[in-house]
Each structure stands twice: as C-alpha cells, then as structure tokens.
C-alpha cells in the first residue's frame, strides 16, 4: 500500500481516519447536505446523492451562511457528520462548525489534496501533529 505524507495546519484538534470523499467545488453545510442522512442533496453538486457521513471530507473551501456551522453540529446529533475535514484554506463558517462539532480539521497543506487524494483513498488526519497520511 502506497503512502504519501503532507504537512498541514491544524484548525480543529484531534485525529480522524477513514475513507476520503473528494469534492472539487466549494461546499456549504447549509443546503448542500441532508443533515439527517449525510447525503449531498444539492442536485447541481458534482457528487449529488453520495454520503459524507463518516468520511474524510476533502474540498477546497467552504461558502455560505453562518448557519452552516450549526448544521454541522446537528449532523453530530444524527451521527451523520464527516470524521474529518481537509481544506486548501479554511473559512470561518466551516472552521467554527468543526470546532463546536469536535471534528478534526486541517488546511493549508504543502501539496494540493484535490490532486493527491482520490475518493476511496484511506486518509489519516492527525491535526495535533499537523500531518495528513494518504494510503492507496
């Protein structure tokens, strides 16, 4: 199994391991995902119908309303939240959502995760050590 290691900045503490789901577009937790199922419900989204629940969610950055942070917290209540989040750069809404939801989150990696990580790869986010490990 091949291994690739990236350095990245911790946004929200913790460690998460799981299957990656890679979104090439900006993402919002308000209106793009059904918080009760974890399924991307925005019909215009590139991965409409796929679940982010229990996955390492990789996307460039977030967008949308501040309510998105509370949608993330609701996902924890339903058990449909991603295990971890990796962004090119974090935005305040996603960062706050990850922190209040206790979801490990990292950004500013030293390589482009949108090119280096494929959906289905096993990824370990160790935000405390500021290291991302990708296994294929």
Protein backbone atom coordinates (compact mmCIF):
# COMPACT_ATOMS: atom_id res chain seq x y z
CA UNK A 1 0.00 0.00 0.00
CA UNK A 2 1.50 3.33 -1.09
CA UNK A 3 1.76 6.13 1.43
CA UNK A 4 2.02 9.89 0.96
CA UNK A 5 2.52 12.37 3.79
CA UNK A 6 1.52 16.04 3.75
CA UNK A 7 2.11 18.71 6.35
CA UNK A 8 -0.94 20.87 7.07
CA UNK A 9 -2.16 23.38 9.63
CA UNK A 10 -4.46 22.38 12.48
CA UNK A 11 -7.80 24.19 12.50
CA UNK A 12 -9.67 21.88 14.90
CA UNK A 13 -7.87 19.42 17.17
CA UNK A 14 -8.00 15.67 17.03
CA UNK A 15 -7.26 12.69 14.84
CA UNK A 16 -9.52 11.04 12.30
CA UNK A 17 -9.09 8.11 9.95
CA UNK A 18 -11.34 6.93 7.18
CA UNK A 19 -12.24 6.78 3.52
CA UNK A 20 -11.83 10.05 1.64
CA UNK A 21 -14.51 11.76 -0.39
CA UNK A 22 -13.04 14.50 -2.57
CA UNK A 23 -15.10 17.45 -3.75
CA UNK A 24 -13.52 19.70 -6.38
CA UNK A 25 -16.01 22.54 -5.68
CA UNK A 26 -16.55 24.81 -2.70
CA UNK A 27 -19.03 23.29 -0.22
CA UNK A 28 -21.68 24.53 2.19
CA UNK A 29 -23.23 22.54 5.01
CA UNK A 30 -26.37 24.67 4.63
CA UNK A 31 -28.45 23.41 1.74
CA UNK A 32 -25.88 21.09 0.15
CA UNK A 33 -26.18 18.15 2.53
CA UNK A 34 -29.11 16.50 4.33
CA UNK A 35 -28.03 16.67 7.96
CA UNK A 36 -30.23 13.68 8.91
CA UNK A 37 -28.58 11.32 6.40
CA UNK A 38 -25.24 12.91 5.47
CA UNK A 39 -26.15 12.65 1.77
CA UNK A 40 -25.31 15.50 -0.60
CA UNK A 41 -28.76 16.74 -1.59
CA UNK A 42 -27.84 19.65 -3.88
CA UNK A 43 -28.85 18.26 -7.27
CA UNK A 44 -26.34 20.56 -9.00
CA UNK A 45 -23.42 19.29 -6.92
CA UNK A 46 -20.78 17.12 -8.59
CA UNK A 47 -21.32 14.32 -6.03
CA UNK A 48 -25.10 14.64 -5.54
CA UNK A 49 -26.52 11.54 -3.86
CA UNK A 50 -23.26 10.49 -2.20
CA UNK A 51 -22.80 10.40 1.57
CA UNK A 52 -20.17 12.32 3.52
CA UNK A 53 -21.12 10.59 6.79
CA UNK A 54 -18.11 9.01 8.47
CA UNK A 55 -15.77 10.08 5.65
CA UNK A 56 -12.72 12.31 5.49
CA UNK A 57 -14.20 15.25 3.59
CA UNK A 58 -11.69 16.94 1.27
CA UNK A 59 -12.71 20.15 -0.52
CA UNK A 60 -11.12 23.48 -1.45
CA UNK A 61 -13.03 25.80 0.91
CA UNK A 62 -16.47 26.48 2.26
CA UNK A 63 -19.08 29.04 1.34
CA UNK A 64 -22.48 30.11 2.53
CA UNK A 65 -24.30 31.22 5.61
CA UNK A 66 -23.06 31.11 9.19
CA UNK A 67 -25.94 28.72 9.87
CA UNK A 68 -23.77 26.07 8.20
CA UNK A 69 -21.76 25.75 11.43
CA UNK A 70 -24.92 24.78 13.30
CA UNK A 71 -25.89 22.36 10.54
CA UNK A 72 -22.57 20.61 11.20
CA UNK A 73 -23.40 20.40 14.91
CA UNK A 74 -26.83 18.92 14.05
CA UNK A 75 -25.07 16.29 11.95
CA UNK A 76 -23.23 15.17 15.09
CA UNK A 77 -26.57 14.71 16.81
CA UNK A 78 -27.72 12.50 13.92
CA UNK A 79 -24.36 10.70 13.65
CA UNK A 80 -24.01 11.77 10.00
CA UNK A 81 -21.01 14.14 10.28
CA UNK A 82 -17.75 13.61 8.43
CA UNK A 83 -14.94 12.11 10.52
CA UNK A 84 -12.53 14.83 9.48
CA UNK A 85 -12.15 17.76 7.10
CA UNK A 86 -9.22 18.84 4.93
CA UNK A 87 -9.38 22.14 3.01
CA UNK A 88 -6.99 24.08 0.82
CA UNK A 89 -7.91 27.00 3.04
CA UNK A 90 -10.48 27.16 5.78
CA UNK A 91 -13.21 29.73 6.03
CA UNK A 92 -14.66 30.90 9.36
CA UNK A 93 -18.00 29.09 8.99
CA UNK A 94 -16.52 25.63 8.39
CA UNK A 95 -13.78 26.22 10.99
CA UNK A 96 -16.28 27.19 13.70
CA UNK A 97 -18.53 24.29 12.73
CA UNK A 98 -15.64 21.83 13.02
CA UNK A 99 -14.55 23.24 16.38
CA UNK A 100 -18.01 23.21 18.01
CA UNK A 101 -18.72 19.77 16.50
CA UNK A 102 -15.36 18.31 17.60
CA UNK A 103 -14.48 17.31 14.02
CA UNK A 104 -10.72 17.28 13.34
CA UNK A 105 -9.97 19.81 10.60
CA UNK A 106 -6.84 20.88 8.76
CA UNK A 107 -5.95 23.31 5.98
CA UNK A 108 -3.04 24.85 4.06
CA UNK A 109 -1.42 21.52 3.14
CA UNK A 110 2.01 21.56 1.50
CA UNK A 111 0.54 19.75 -1.53
CA UNK A 112 -2.80 20.01 -3.31
CA UNK A 113 -5.07 17.36 -1.73
CA UNK A 114 -7.57 17.77 -4.59
CA UNK A 115 -4.90 16.33 -6.88
CA UNK A 116 -3.17 13.96 -4.44
CA UNK A 117 -6.18 12.33 -2.76
CA UNK A 118 -8.80 10.31 -4.62
CA UNK A 119 -12.25 9.40 -3.39
CA UNK A 120 -11.86 6.00 -1.75
CA UNK A 121 -8.30 6.50 -0.51
CA UNK A 122 -7.75 5.86 3.19
CA UNK A 123 -6.66 9.06 4.90
CA UNK A 124 -5.44 9.80 8.41
CA UNK A 125 -5.77 13.40 9.60
CA UNK A 126 -3.64 13.99 12.66
CA UNK A 127 -4.42 17.63 13.35
CA UNK A 128 -2.49 17.62 16.61
CA UNK A 129 0.72 16.54 14.80
CA UNK A 130 -0.23 18.60 11.71
CA UNK A 131 0.26 15.58 9.43
CA UNK A 132 -2.02 14.05 6.77
CA UNK A 133 -1.23 10.50 5.65
CA UNK A 134 -2.77 9.12 2.45
CA UNK A 135 -2.88 5.37 1.72
CA UNK A 136 -3.85 3.80 -1.59
